[in-house]
C-alpha atoms as a PDB file:
ATOM      1  CA  MET A   1       0.000   0.000   0.000  1.00  0.00           C
ATOM      2  CA  SER A   2       1.427   3.396  -0.981  1.00  0.00           C
ATOM      3  CA  THR A   3       1.817   6.199   1.550  1.00  0.00           C
ATOM      4  CA  GLU A   4       0.429   9.616   0.726  1.00  0.00           C
ATOM      5  CA  TYR A   5       2.866  12.307   1.821  1.00  0.00           C
ATOM      6  CA  ARG A   6       1.563  15.702   2.883  1.00  0.00           C
ATOM      7  CA  PRO A   7       3.375  18.649   1.270  1.00  0.00           C
ATOM      8  CA  LEU A   8       4.976  21.287   3.492  1.00  0.00           C
ATOM      9  CA  ARG A   9       7.020  24.334   2.526  1.00  0.00           C
ATOM     10  CA  LEU A  10       9.787  25.160   5.008  1.00  0.00           C
ATOM     11  CA  MET A  11      12.285  28.029   4.996  1.00  0.00           C
ATOM     12  CA  ASP A  12      15.278  29.121   7.012  1.00  0.00           C
ATOM     13  CA  THR A  13      16.316  32.778   7.049  1.00  0.00           C
ATOM     14  CA  PHE A  14      20.106  32.511   6.846  1.00  0.00           C
ATOM     15  CA  ARG A  15      22.214  29.443   6.092  1.00  0.00           C
ATOM     16  CA  ASN A  16      24.641  28.770   8.973  1.00  0.00           C
ATOM     17  CA  LEU A  17      25.572  26.073  11.492  1.00  0.00           C
ATOM     18  CA  PHE A  18      23.514  27.649  14.276  1.00  0.00           C
ATOM     19  CA  TYR A  19      20.509  26.034  12.586  1.00  0.00           C
ATOM     20  CA  THR A  20      22.144  22.623  12.170  1.00  0.00           C
ATOM     21  CA  PRO A  21      19.137  20.639  13.517  1.00  0.00           C
ATOM     22  CA  ILE A  22      16.997  21.960  10.661  1.00  0.00           C
ATOM     23  CA  TYR A  23      19.392  20.582   8.050  1.00  0.00           C
ATOM     24  CA  VAL A  24      19.653  17.295   9.931  1.00  0.00           C
ATOM     25  CA  ALA A  25      15.864  16.993   9.971  1.00  0.00           C
ATOM     26  CA  VAL A  26      15.649  17.645   6.220  1.00  0.00           C
ATOM     27  CA  ALA A  27      18.637  15.610   5.023  1.00  0.00           C
ATOM     28  CA  GLY A  28      18.148  12.841   7.552  1.00  0.00           C
ATOM     29  CA  GLY A  29      14.625  12.067   6.414  1.00  0.00           C
ATOM     30  CA  PHE A  30      13.058  12.821   9.801  1.00  0.00           C
ATOM     31  CA  PHE A  31      10.183  14.777   8.259  1.00  0.00           C
ATOM     32  CA  TYR A  32       9.729  12.214   5.495  1.00  0.00           C
ATOM     33  CA  ALA A  33       9.455   9.466   8.111  1.00  0.00           C
ATOM     34  CA  GLU A  34       6.479  11.352   9.581  1.00  0.00           C
ATOM     35  CA  GLY A  35       4.685  11.424   6.236  1.00  0.00           C
ATOM     36  CA  LEU A  36       5.783  14.868   5.078  1.00  0.00           C
ATOM     37  CA  ASN A  37       7.164  15.850   1.695  1.00  0.00           C
ATOM     38  CA  VAL A  38       9.126  18.960   2.684  1.00  0.00           C
ATOM     39  CA  GLU A  39      10.161  21.581   0.148  1.00  0.00           C
ATOM     40  CA  PHE A  40      13.063  23.397   1.816  1.00  0.00           C
ATOM     41  CA  SER A  41      14.571  26.756   0.846  1.00  0.00           C
ATOM     42  CA  THR A  42      15.895  30.022   2.261  1.00  0.00           C
ATOM     43  CA  VAL A  43      13.829  33.195   2.636  1.00  0.00           C
ATOM     44  CA  PRO A  44      14.785  35.530  -0.245  1.00  0.00           C
ATOM     45  CA  GLU A  45      16.936  38.471   0.808  1.00  0.00           C
ATOM     46  CA  GLY A  46      14.870  41.508   1.717  1.00  0.00           C
ATOM     47  CA  GLN A  47      11.641  39.554   2.263  1.00  0.00           C
ATOM     48  CA  PRO A  48      10.821  39.162   5.980  1.00  0.00           C
ATOM     49  CA  ALA A  49       9.874  35.650   7.058  1.00  0.00           C
ATOM     50  CA  MET A  50       6.683  36.945   8.663  1.00  0.00           C
ATOM     51  CA  ASP A  51       5.549  38.443   5.349  1.00  0.00           C
ATOM     52  CA  MET A  52       6.300  35.143   3.621  1.00  0.00           C
ATOM     53  CA  LEU A  53       4.149  33.305   6.174  1.00  0.00           C
ATOM     54  CA  ARG A  54       1.243  35.737   5.867  1.00  0.00           C
ATOM     55  CA  SER A  55       1.312  35.668   2.079  1.00  0.00           C
ATOM     56  CA  GLY A  56       1.117  31.891   2.048  1.00  0.00           C
ATOM     57  CA  ALA A  57       4.469  31.574   0.257  1.00  0.00           C
ATOM     58  CA  VAL A  58       5.741  29.319   3.065  1.00  0.00           C
ATOM     59  CA  ASP A  59       3.992  27.142   5.639  1.00  0.00           C
ATOM     60  CA  ILE A  60       6.553  27.061   8.462  1.00  0.00           C
ATOM     61  CA  ALA A  61       9.581  29.325   8.869  1.00  0.00           C
ATOM     62  CA  GLN A  62      12.622  29.452  11.086  1.00  0.00           C
ATOM     63  CA  THR A  63      12.475  32.747  12.930  1.00  0.00           C
ATOM     64  CA  GLY A  64      12.395  34.019  16.510  1.00  0.00           C
ATOM     65  CA  ILE A  65       9.875  35.161  19.067  1.00  0.00           C
ATOM     66  CA  SER A  66      11.184  38.688  18.496  1.00  0.00           C
ATOM     67  CA  ARG A  67       9.318  38.980  15.204  1.00  0.00           C
ATOM     68  CA  SER A  68       6.001  37.903  16.698  1.00  0.00           C
ATOM     69  CA  LEU A  69       6.497  40.197  19.682  1.00  0.00           C
ATOM     70  CA  MET A  70       7.152  43.092  17.316  1.00  0.00           C
ATOM     71  CA  ASP A  71       3.980  42.186  15.396  1.00  0.00           C
ATOM     72  CA  LEU A  72       1.930  42.352  18.596  1.00  0.00           C
ATOM     73  CA  ASP A  73       3.506  45.708  19.450  1.00  0.00           C
ATOM     74  CA  GLU A  74       2.259  46.926  16.060  1.00  0.00           C
ATOM     75  CA  GLY A  75      -1.258  45.684  16.783  1.00  0.00           C
ATOM     76  CA  LYS A  76      -1.119  42.695  14.417  1.00  0.00           C
ATOM     77  CA  GLU A  77      -3.328  40.141  16.112  1.00  0.00           C
ATOM     78  CA  ASP A  78      -2.430  37.435  13.578  1.00  0.00           C
ATOM     79  CA  ALA A  79       1.195  37.309  14.752  1.00  0.00           C
ATOM     80  CA  PRO A  80       2.728  33.926  13.822  1.00  0.00           C
ATOM     81  CA  LEU A  81       2.792  31.396  16.651  1.00  0.00           C
ATOM     82  CA  HIS A  82       5.810  29.351  17.686  1.00  0.00           C
ATOM     83  CA  ILE A  83       5.640  25.579  17.696  1.00  0.00           C
ATOM     84  CA  ALA A  84       9.170  24.223  18.280  1.00  0.00           C
ATOM     85  CA  GLU A  85      12.493  25.432  19.639  1.00  0.00           C
ATOM     86  CA  ILE A  86      15.600  25.326  17.454  1.00  0.00           C
ATOM     87  CA  ASN A  87      18.218  27.021  19.644  1.00  0.00           C
ATOM     88  CA  GLN A  88      18.369  27.339  23.419  1.00  0.00           C
ATOM     89  CA  ARG A  89      21.543  29.443  23.520  1.00  0.00           C
ATOM     90  CA  ASP A  90      22.973  32.417  21.643  1.00  0.00           C
ATOM     91  CA  GLY A  91      25.181  31.047  18.860  1.00  0.00           C
ATOM     92  CA  PHE A  92      27.301  34.102  18.081  1.00  0.00           C
ATOM     93  CA  PHE A  93      31.024  34.569  18.712  1.00  0.00           C
ATOM     94  CA  LEU A  94      33.275  37.581  19.068  1.00  0.00           C
ATOM     95  CA  LEU A  95      36.414  37.442  16.928  1.00  0.00           C
ATOM     96  CA  SER A  96      39.426  39.699  17.313  1.00  0.00           C
ATOM     97  CA  ARG A  97      41.715  40.737  14.470  1.00  0.00           C
ATOM     98  CA  ILE A  98      44.774  40.240  16.698  1.00  0.00           C
ATOM     99  CA  PRO A  99      45.602  37.238  18.915  1.00  0.00           C
ATOM    100  CA  VAL A 100      44.010  37.552  22.330  1.00  0.00           C
ATOM    101  CA  GLU A 101      45.570  36.670  25.673  1.00  0.00           C
ATOM    102  CA  ASN A 102      43.963  37.321  29.032  1.00  0.00           C
ATOM    103  CA  TRP A 103      41.163  39.026  27.111  1.00  0.00           C
ATOM    104  CA  ALA A 104      38.442  40.886  29.017  1.00  0.00           C
ATOM    105  CA  TRP A 105      35.180  42.414  27.861  1.00  0.00           C
ATOM    106  CA  LYS A 106      36.410  45.884  28.846  1.00  0.00           C
ATOM    107  CA  ASP A 107      39.038  45.518  26.100  1.00  0.00           C
ATOM    108  CA  LEU A 108      36.265  46.409  23.669  1.00  0.00           C
ATOM    109  CA  GLU A 109      36.266  49.994  24.901  1.00  0.00           C
ATOM    110  CA  GLY A 110      38.112  52.169  22.403  1.00  0.00           C
ATOM    111  CA  SER A 111      37.828  49.544  19.664  1.00  0.00           C
ATOM    112  CA  SER A 112      35.722  49.164  16.525  1.00  0.00           C
ATOM    113  CA  LEU A 113      33.169  46.339  16.447  1.00  0.00           C
ATOM    114  CA  ILE A 114      30.948  45.004  13.674  1.00  0.00           C
ATOM    115  CA  PRO A 115      27.778  43.552  15.188  1.00  0.00           C
ATOM    116  CA  ILE A 116      25.905  41.538  12.575  1.00  0.00           C
ATOM    117  CA  GLY A 117      23.258  43.917  11.242  1.00  0.00           C
ATOM    118  CA  PHE A 118      21.173  41.890   8.796  1.00  0.00           C
ATOM    119  CA  THR A 119      18.622  41.614  11.629  1.00  0.00           C
ATOM    120  CA  PRO A 120      18.323  43.736  14.793  1.00  0.00           C
ATOM    121  CA  VAL A 121      17.980  40.719  17.078  1.00  0.00           C
ATOM    122  CA  PRO A 122      21.632  39.560  17.522  1.00  0.00           C
ATOM    123  CA  TRP A 123      22.676  42.980  18.780  1.00  0.00           C
ATOM    124  CA  ASN A 124      20.265  42.813  21.714  1.00  0.00           C
ATOM    125  CA  PRO A 125      21.789  39.760  23.456  1.00  0.00           C
ATOM    126  CA  LEU A 126      25.280  41.127  22.710  1.00  0.00           C
ATOM    127  CA  ARG A 127      24.244  44.439  24.247  1.00  0.00           C
ATOM    128  CA  THR A 128      23.052  42.588  27.351  1.00  0.00           C
ATOM    129  CA  VAL A 129      26.376  40.741  27.663  1.00  0.00           C
ATOM    130  CA  LEU A 130      28.300  44.009  27.336  1.00  0.00           C
ATOM    131  CA  LYS A 131      26.163  45.669  30.014  1.00  0.00           C
ATOM    132  CA  ASN A 132      26.493  42.667  32.319  1.00  0.00           C
ATOM    133  CA  ASN A 133      30.274  42.937  32.030  1.00  0.00           C
ATOM    134  CA  GLY A 134      30.378  46.662  32.754  1.00  0.00           C
ATOM    135  CA  VAL A 135      31.361  47.751  29.247  1.00  0.00           C
ATOM    136  CA  ASP A 136      30.701  51.387  28.318  1.00  0.00           C
ATOM    137  CA  LEU A 137      28.690  51.041  25.106  1.00  0.00           C
ATOM    138  CA  ASP A 138      29.446  54.635  24.129  1.00  0.00           C
ATOM    139  CA  ALA A 139      33.162  53.814  24.157  1.00  0.00           C
ATOM    140  CA  ILE A 140      32.810  51.308  21.302  1.00  0.00           C
ATOM    141  CA  ASN A 141      32.770  52.317  17.647  1.00  0.00           C
ATOM    142  CA  LEU A 142      29.911  50.204  16.320  1.00  0.00           C
ATOM    143  CA  ILE A 143      29.861  49.587  12.559  1.00  0.00           C
ATOM    144  CA  GLY A 144      26.291  48.472  11.951  1.00  0.00           C
ATOM    145  CA  GLY A 145      23.816  47.913   9.157  1.00  0.00           C
ATOM    146  CA  LEU A 146      25.953  45.445   7.211  1.00  0.00           C
ATOM    147  CA  SER A 147      24.977  42.135   5.673  1.00  0.00           C
ATOM    148  CA  ALA A 148      26.916  39.081   6.826  1.00  0.00           C
ATOM    149  CA  ALA A 149      29.001  39.106   3.642  1.00  0.00           C
ATOM    150  CA  GLU A 150      29.775  42.812   3.988  1.00  0.00           C
ATOM    151  CA  ALA A 151      30.696  42.389   7.650  1.00  0.00           C
ATOM    152  CA  ILE A 152      33.083  39.527   6.907  1.00  0.00           C
ATOM    153  CA  ASP A 153      34.707  41.419   4.019  1.00  0.00           C
ATOM    154  CA  ARG A 154      35.317  44.504   6.159  1.00  0.00           C
ATOM    155  CA  PHE A 155      36.783  42.377   8.928  1.00  0.00           C
ATOM    156  CA  ARG A 156      39.032  40.550   6.444  1.00  0.00           C
ATOM    157  CA  ASN A 157      40.241  43.908   5.134  1.00  0.00           C
ATOM    158  CA  GLY A 158      41.173  45.104   8.614  1.00  0.00           C
ATOM    159  CA  GLN A 159      38.400  47.691   8.850  1.00  0.00           C
ATOM    160  CA  ALA A 160      37.319  46.610  12.330  1.00  0.00           C
ATOM    161  CA  ASP A 161      38.967  45.281  15.465  1.00  0.00           C
ATOM    162  CA  TYR A 162      36.191  42.821  16.306  1.00  0.00           C
ATOM    163  CA  LEU A 163      33.500  40.876  14.454  1.00  0.00           C
ATOM    164  CA  HIS A 164      30.279  39.383  15.860  1.00  0.00           C
ATOM    165  CA  ILE A 165      29.583  36.259  13.771  1.00  0.00           C
ATOM    166  CA  LEU A 166      28.271  32.676  13.663  1.00  0.00           C
ATOM    167  CA  HIS A 167      29.809  29.352  12.633  1.00  0.00           C
ATOM    168  CA  PRO A 168      30.875  28.215  10.095  1.00  0.00           C
ATOM    169  CA  PHE A 169      32.093  31.725   9.226  1.00  0.00           C
ATOM    170  CA  ALA A 170      33.808  32.237  12.583  1.00  0.00           C
ATOM    171  CA  GLN A 171      35.547  28.877  12.245  1.00  0.00           C
ATOM    172  CA  THR A 172      36.842  29.526   8.724  1.00  0.00           C
ATOM    173  CA  LEU A 173      38.126  32.973   9.710  1.00  0.00           C
ATOM    174  CA  ILE A 174      39.967  31.434  12.652  1.00  0.00           C
ATOM    175  CA  GLU A 175      41.439  28.659  10.502  1.00  0.00           C
ATOM    176  CA  GLY A 176      42.569  31.262   7.970  1.00  0.00           C
ATOM    177  CA  GLY A 177      44.432  33.185  10.652  1.00  0.00           C
ATOM    178  CA  ILE A 178      42.242  36.236  10.056  1.00  0.00           C
ATOM    179  CA  GLY A 179      40.260  36.113  13.283  1.00  0.00           C
ATOM    180  CA  HIS A 180      40.948  34.937  16.819  1.00  0.00           C
ATOM    181  CA  MET A 181      38.329  33.729  19.274  1.00  0.00           C
ATOM    182  CA  ALA A 182      37.772  36.337  21.970  1.00  0.00           C
ATOM    183  CA  ALA A 183      34.438  35.279  23.458  1.00  0.00           C
ATOM    184  CA  SER A 184      31.303  33.214  22.983  1.00  0.00           C
ATOM    185  CA  MET A 185      27.841  34.581  23.686  1.00  0.00           C
ATOM    186  CA  GLY A 186      26.190  31.280  24.578  1.00  0.00           C
ATOM    187  CA  PRO A 187      27.760  30.683  28.003  1.00  0.00           C
ATOM    188  CA  GLU A 188      27.272  34.334  28.940  1.00  0.00           C
ATOM    189  CA  LEU A 189      23.472  34.323  28.711  1.00  0.00           C
ATOM    190  CA  GLY A 190      22.369  30.791  29.544  1.00  0.00           C
ATOM    191  CA  TYR A 191      19.003  29.526  28.367  1.00  0.00           C
ATOM    192  CA  ILE A 192      17.122  31.828  26.009  1.00  0.00           C
ATOM    193  CA  CYS A 193      14.658  30.871  23.283  1.00  0.00           C
ATOM    194  CA  TYR A 194      16.808  32.313  20.515  1.00  0.00           C
ATOM    195  CA  SER A 195      15.186  30.820  17.432  1.00  0.00           C
ATOM    196  CA  SER A 196      12.157  28.674  16.740  1.00  0.00           C
ATOM    197  CA  PHE A 197       9.720  27.528  14.074  1.00  0.00           C
ATOM    198  CA  ALA A 198       6.619  29.628  13.495  1.00  0.00           C
ATOM    199  CA  ALA A 199       3.424  29.367  11.478  1.00  0.00           C
ATOM    200  CA  THR A 200       0.354  31.542  11.154  1.00  0.00           C
ATOM    201  CA  PRO A 201      -2.554  30.845  13.515  1.00  0.00           C
ATOM    202  CA  SER A 202      -4.743  29.953  10.530  1.00  0.00           C
ATOM    203  CA  TYR A 203      -2.234  27.437   9.157  1.00  0.00           C
ATOM    204  CA  ILE A 204      -1.974  25.729  12.542  1.00  0.00           C
ATOM    205  CA  ASP A 205      -5.739  25.603  12.969  1.00  0.00           C
ATOM    206  CA  ASP A 206      -6.307  24.284   9.442  1.00  0.00           C
ATOM    207  CA  ASN A 207      -3.453  21.734   9.468  1.00  0.00           C
ATOM    208  CA  PRO A 208      -2.976  20.388  13.014  1.00  0.00           C
ATOM    209  CA  GLU A 209      -1.947  16.904  11.846  1.00  0.00           C
ATOM    210  CA  THR A 210       0.694  18.314   9.508  1.00  0.00           C
ATOM    211  CA  VAL A 211       2.046  20.593  12.242  1.00  0.00           C
ATOM    212  CA  GLN A 212       2.170  17.670  14.658  1.00  0.00           C
ATOM    213  CA  ALA A 213       4.038  15.515  12.139  1.00  0.00           C
ATOM    214  CA  PHE A 214       6.507  18.348  11.560  1.00  0.00           C
ATOM    215  CA  VAL A 215       7.212  18.922  15.247  1.00  0.00           C
ATOM    216  CA  THR A 216       7.499  15.178  15.891  1.00  0.00           C
ATOM    217  CA  GLY A 217      10.024  14.824  13.070  1.00  0.00           C
ATOM    218  CA  PHE A 218      12.045  17.780  14.313  1.00  0.00           C
ATOM    219  CA  HIS A 219      11.939  16.480  17.883  1.00  0.00           C
ATOM    220  CA  LYS A 220      13.469  13.208  16.672  1.00  0.00           C
ATOM    221  CA  ALA A 221      16.122  15.134  14.725  1.00  0.00           C
ATOM    222  CA  LEU A 222      17.059  17.028  17.908  1.00  0.00           C
ATOM    223  CA  ASN A 223      17.453  13.716  19.706  1.00  0.00           C
ATOM    224  CA  TRP A 224      19.694  12.423  16.913  1.00  0.00           C
ATOM    225  CA  VAL A 225      21.864  15.549  17.112  1.00  0.00           C
ATOM    226  CA  ALA A 226      22.169  15.187  20.884  1.00  0.00           C
ATOM    227  CA  GLU A 227      23.255  11.559  20.590  1.00  0.00           C
ATOM    228  CA  SER A 228      25.616  11.910  17.603  1.00  0.00           C
ATOM    229  CA  ASP A 229      29.183  13.159  17.448  1.00  0.00           C
ATOM    230  CA  ALA A 230      30.234  16.280  15.588  1.00  0.00           C
ATOM    231  CA  GLN A 231      31.764  14.353  12.690  1.00  0.00           C
ATOM    232  CA  ALA A 232      28.583  12.400  11.998  1.00  0.00           C
ATOM    233  CA  ILE A 233      26.502  15.576  12.153  1.00  0.00           C
ATOM    234  CA  ALA A 234      28.921  17.383   9.830  1.00  0.00           C
ATOM    235  CA  GLU A 235      28.599  14.583   7.280  1.00  0.00           C
ATOM    236  CA  ARG A 236      24.817  14.851   7.445  1.00  0.00           C
ATOM    237  CA  VAL A 237      24.693  18.644   6.884  1.00  0.00           C
ATOM    238  CA  SER A 238      27.645  19.010   4.487  1.00  0.00           C
ATOM    239  CA  PRO A 239      25.428  19.205   1.353  1.00  0.00           C
ATOM    240  CA  PHE A 240      24.077  22.499   2.702  1.00  0.00           C
ATOM    241  CA  PHE A 241      27.627  23.926   2.956  1.00  0.00           C
ATOM    242  CA  PRO A 242      29.398  22.817  -0.251  1.00  0.00           C
ATOM    243  CA  ASP A 243      32.120  25.466   0.082  1.00  0.00           C
ATOM    244  CA  ILE A 244      33.109  24.584   3.659  1.00  0.00           C
ATOM    245  CA  LEU A 245      35.555  21.791   4.489  1.00  0.00           C
ATOM    246  CA  PRO A 246      33.992  18.915   6.469  1.00  0.00           C
ATOM    247  CA  GLU A 247      36.569  19.311   9.255  1.00  0.00           C
ATOM    248  CA  SER A 248      35.632  22.992   9.605  1.00  0.00           C
ATOM    249  CA  LEU A 249      31.969  22.041   9.885  1.00  0.00           C
ATOM    250  CA  ALA A 250      32.803  19.426  12.518  1.00  0.00           C
ATOM    251  CA  SER A 251      34.830  21.927  14.559  1.00  0.00           C
ATOM    252  CA  GLY A 252      32.021  24.476  14.578  1.00  0.00           C
ATOM    253  CA  ILE A 253      29.375  21.861  15.362  1.00  0.00           C
ATOM    254  CA  GLY A 254      31.554  20.483  18.147  1.00  0.00           C
ATOM    255  CA  GLN A 255      31.752  23.856  19.837  1.00  0.00           C
ATOM    256  CA  TYR A 256      28.000  24.332  19.539  1.00  0.00           C
ATOM    257  CA  LYS A 257      27.428  20.919  21.106  1.00  0.00           C
ATOM    258  CA  ILE A 258      29.775  21.659  24.010  1.00  0.00           C
ATOM    259  CA  GLN A 259      27.867  24.882  24.668  1.00  0.00           C
ATOM    260  CA  GLU A 260      24.514  23.045  24.596  1.00  0.00           C
ATOM    261  CA  THR A 261      23.309  25.315  21.812  1.00  0.00           C
ATOM    262  CA  TRP A 262      20.566  22.928  20.738  1.00  0.00           C
ATOM    263  CA  PRO A 263      17.850  21.489  22.962  1.00  0.00           C
ATOM    264  CA  ARG A 264      17.227  17.771  23.224  1.00  0.00           C
ATOM    265  CA  ASP A 265      13.484  18.268  22.756  1.00  0.00           C
ATOM    266  CA  ALA A 266      11.343  20.691  20.755  1.00  0.00           C
ATOM    267  CA  LEU A 267       9.489  22.266  23.677  1.00  0.00           C
ATOM    268  CA  ILE A 268       9.878  26.027  24.042  1.00  0.00           C
ATOM    269  CA  GLY A 269      10.405  26.637  27.744  1.00  0.00           C
ATOM    270  CA  GLU A 270       8.522  29.468  29.386  1.00  0.00           C
ATOM    271  CA  ASP A 271      11.670  30.596  31.221  1.00  0.00           C
ATOM    272  CA  GLY A 272      13.638  30.750  27.963  1.00  0.00           C
ATOM    273  CA  TYR A 273      10.824  32.695  26.322  1.00  0.00           C
ATOM    274  CA  ASP A 274      10.696  35.182  29.197  1.00  0.00           C
ATOM    275  CA  SER A 275      14.465  35.657  29.203  1.00  0.00           C
ATOM    276  CA  MET A 276      14.634  36.405  25.484  1.00  0.00           C
ATOM    277  CA  ARG A 277      11.582  38.686  25.623  1.00  0.00           C
ATOM    278  CA  ASP A 278      13.104  40.670  28.501  1.00  0.00           C
ATOM    279  CA  ILE A 279      16.403  41.086  26.629  1.00  0.00           C
ATOM    280  CA  LEU A 280      14.489  42.476  23.649  1.00  0.00           C
ATOM    281  CA  ILE A 281      12.493  44.820  25.876  1.00  0.00           C
ATOM    282  CA  ASP A 282      15.630  46.085  27.622  1.00  0.00           C
ATOM    283  CA  GLY A 283      17.211  46.735  24.233  1.00  0.00           C
ATOM    284  CA  GLY A 284      14.192  48.710  23.033  1.00  0.00           C
ATOM    285  CA  LEU A 285      13.314  46.363  20.177  1.00  0.00           C
ATOM    286  CA  VAL A 286      10.097  45.217  21.885  1.00  0.00           C
ATOM    287  CA  THR A 287       7.819  47.168  24.226  1.00  0.00           C
ATOM    288  CA  GLY A 288       4.991  44.840  25.278  1.00  0.00           C
ATOM    289  CA  ARG A 289       5.503  42.152  27.921  1.00  0.00           C
ATOM    290  CA  HIS A 290       3.401  39.691  25.936  1.00  0.00           C
ATOM    291  CA  PRO A 291       3.036  36.362  27.769  1.00  0.00           C
ATOM    292  CA  TYR A 292       4.216  32.936  26.688  1.00  0.00           C
ATOM    293  CA  GLN A 293       0.652  31.722  26.262  1.00  0.00           C
ATOM    294  CA  ARG A 294      -0.044  34.396  23.645  1.00  0.00           C
ATOM    295  CA  LEU A 295       2.629  33.272  21.174  1.00  0.00           C
ATOM    296  CA  VAL A 296       3.630  29.688  21.944  1.00  0.00           C
ATOM    297  CA  ARG A 297       1.722  26.506  21.043  1.00  0.00           C
ATOM    298  CA  PRO A 298       3.540  23.929  23.198  1.00  0.00           C
ATOM    299  CA  GLU A 299       1.090  21.052  22.779  1.00  0.00           C
ATOM    300  CA  PHE A 300       2.757  19.766  19.604  1.00  0.00           C
ATOM    301  CA  ALA A 301       6.155  19.435  21.295  1.00  0.00           C
ATOM    302  CA  ARG A 302       4.590  17.870  24.362  1.00  0.00           C
ATOM    303  CA  ASN A 303       2.824  15.317  22.191  1.00  0.00           C
ATOM    304  CA  ALA A 304       6.112  14.514  20.459  1.00  0.00           C
ATOM    305  CA  MET A 305       7.840  14.075  23.815  1.00  0.00           C
ATOM    306  CA  ASP A 306       5.065  11.812  25.120  1.00  0.00           C
ATOM    307  CA  ALA A 307       5.232   9.682  22.002  1.00  0.00           C
END
């Protein structure tokens, strides 16, 4: 008897190792095993994921609670709802142009820093880390508003002292002798719901079985990532990074695993939600203290965990 697979369109917003579990779920057949035929792509540059969801161009998108919180601030009652957690830590790193020894956060004062500017969200956790470490923000020359490619090019050309970046880009810059690891954001902030999958309320209501199959498949992919070594994971995701050496992928993935960047299950924790929301409020990106229950649909992850 043939199996009828339900179609689902899935998008990530920026291809990088921070979102490794997504690529594992796609390439590893975890969605297919749940009866889904997933069409996977990246959100086109300049087209917000939330707009893609509302237009019906995509069914489920990798994004963050920040976007839905901003929608609610703007009075949009149809803000996309979040169904599964992708990252439970900040995945950014701070690279220095010169080798660092006995480095301290205060060393940033008087320097130039490129915080990734393709989205306003990464700056907010970085800002919190700087404040927590007593850094005078006004004493740093921030070079903002750059795409990831522009930021990396400027750093390569010596136009900044520090770069705020993700793997695998951080790893390749380190291996090329261009950048030197100064600090990692993940251990500084602990558990925050950094990124998650979202869908419109209408899509969830109209397709509960498809959403459940998706979350169940992703939950199993998270378990596989937790139980596998960095080399095995790198082999699984390498087709998504054809220009990066497998050993570079494994090194970046290994660091993310050590820092517990990815959860073992898909459930968005209320404490992680609150922590991320409060960081965004403190940074001025979000104003409303919208509760967990307004934006998170945890029942799909709980069902996956029970199963």
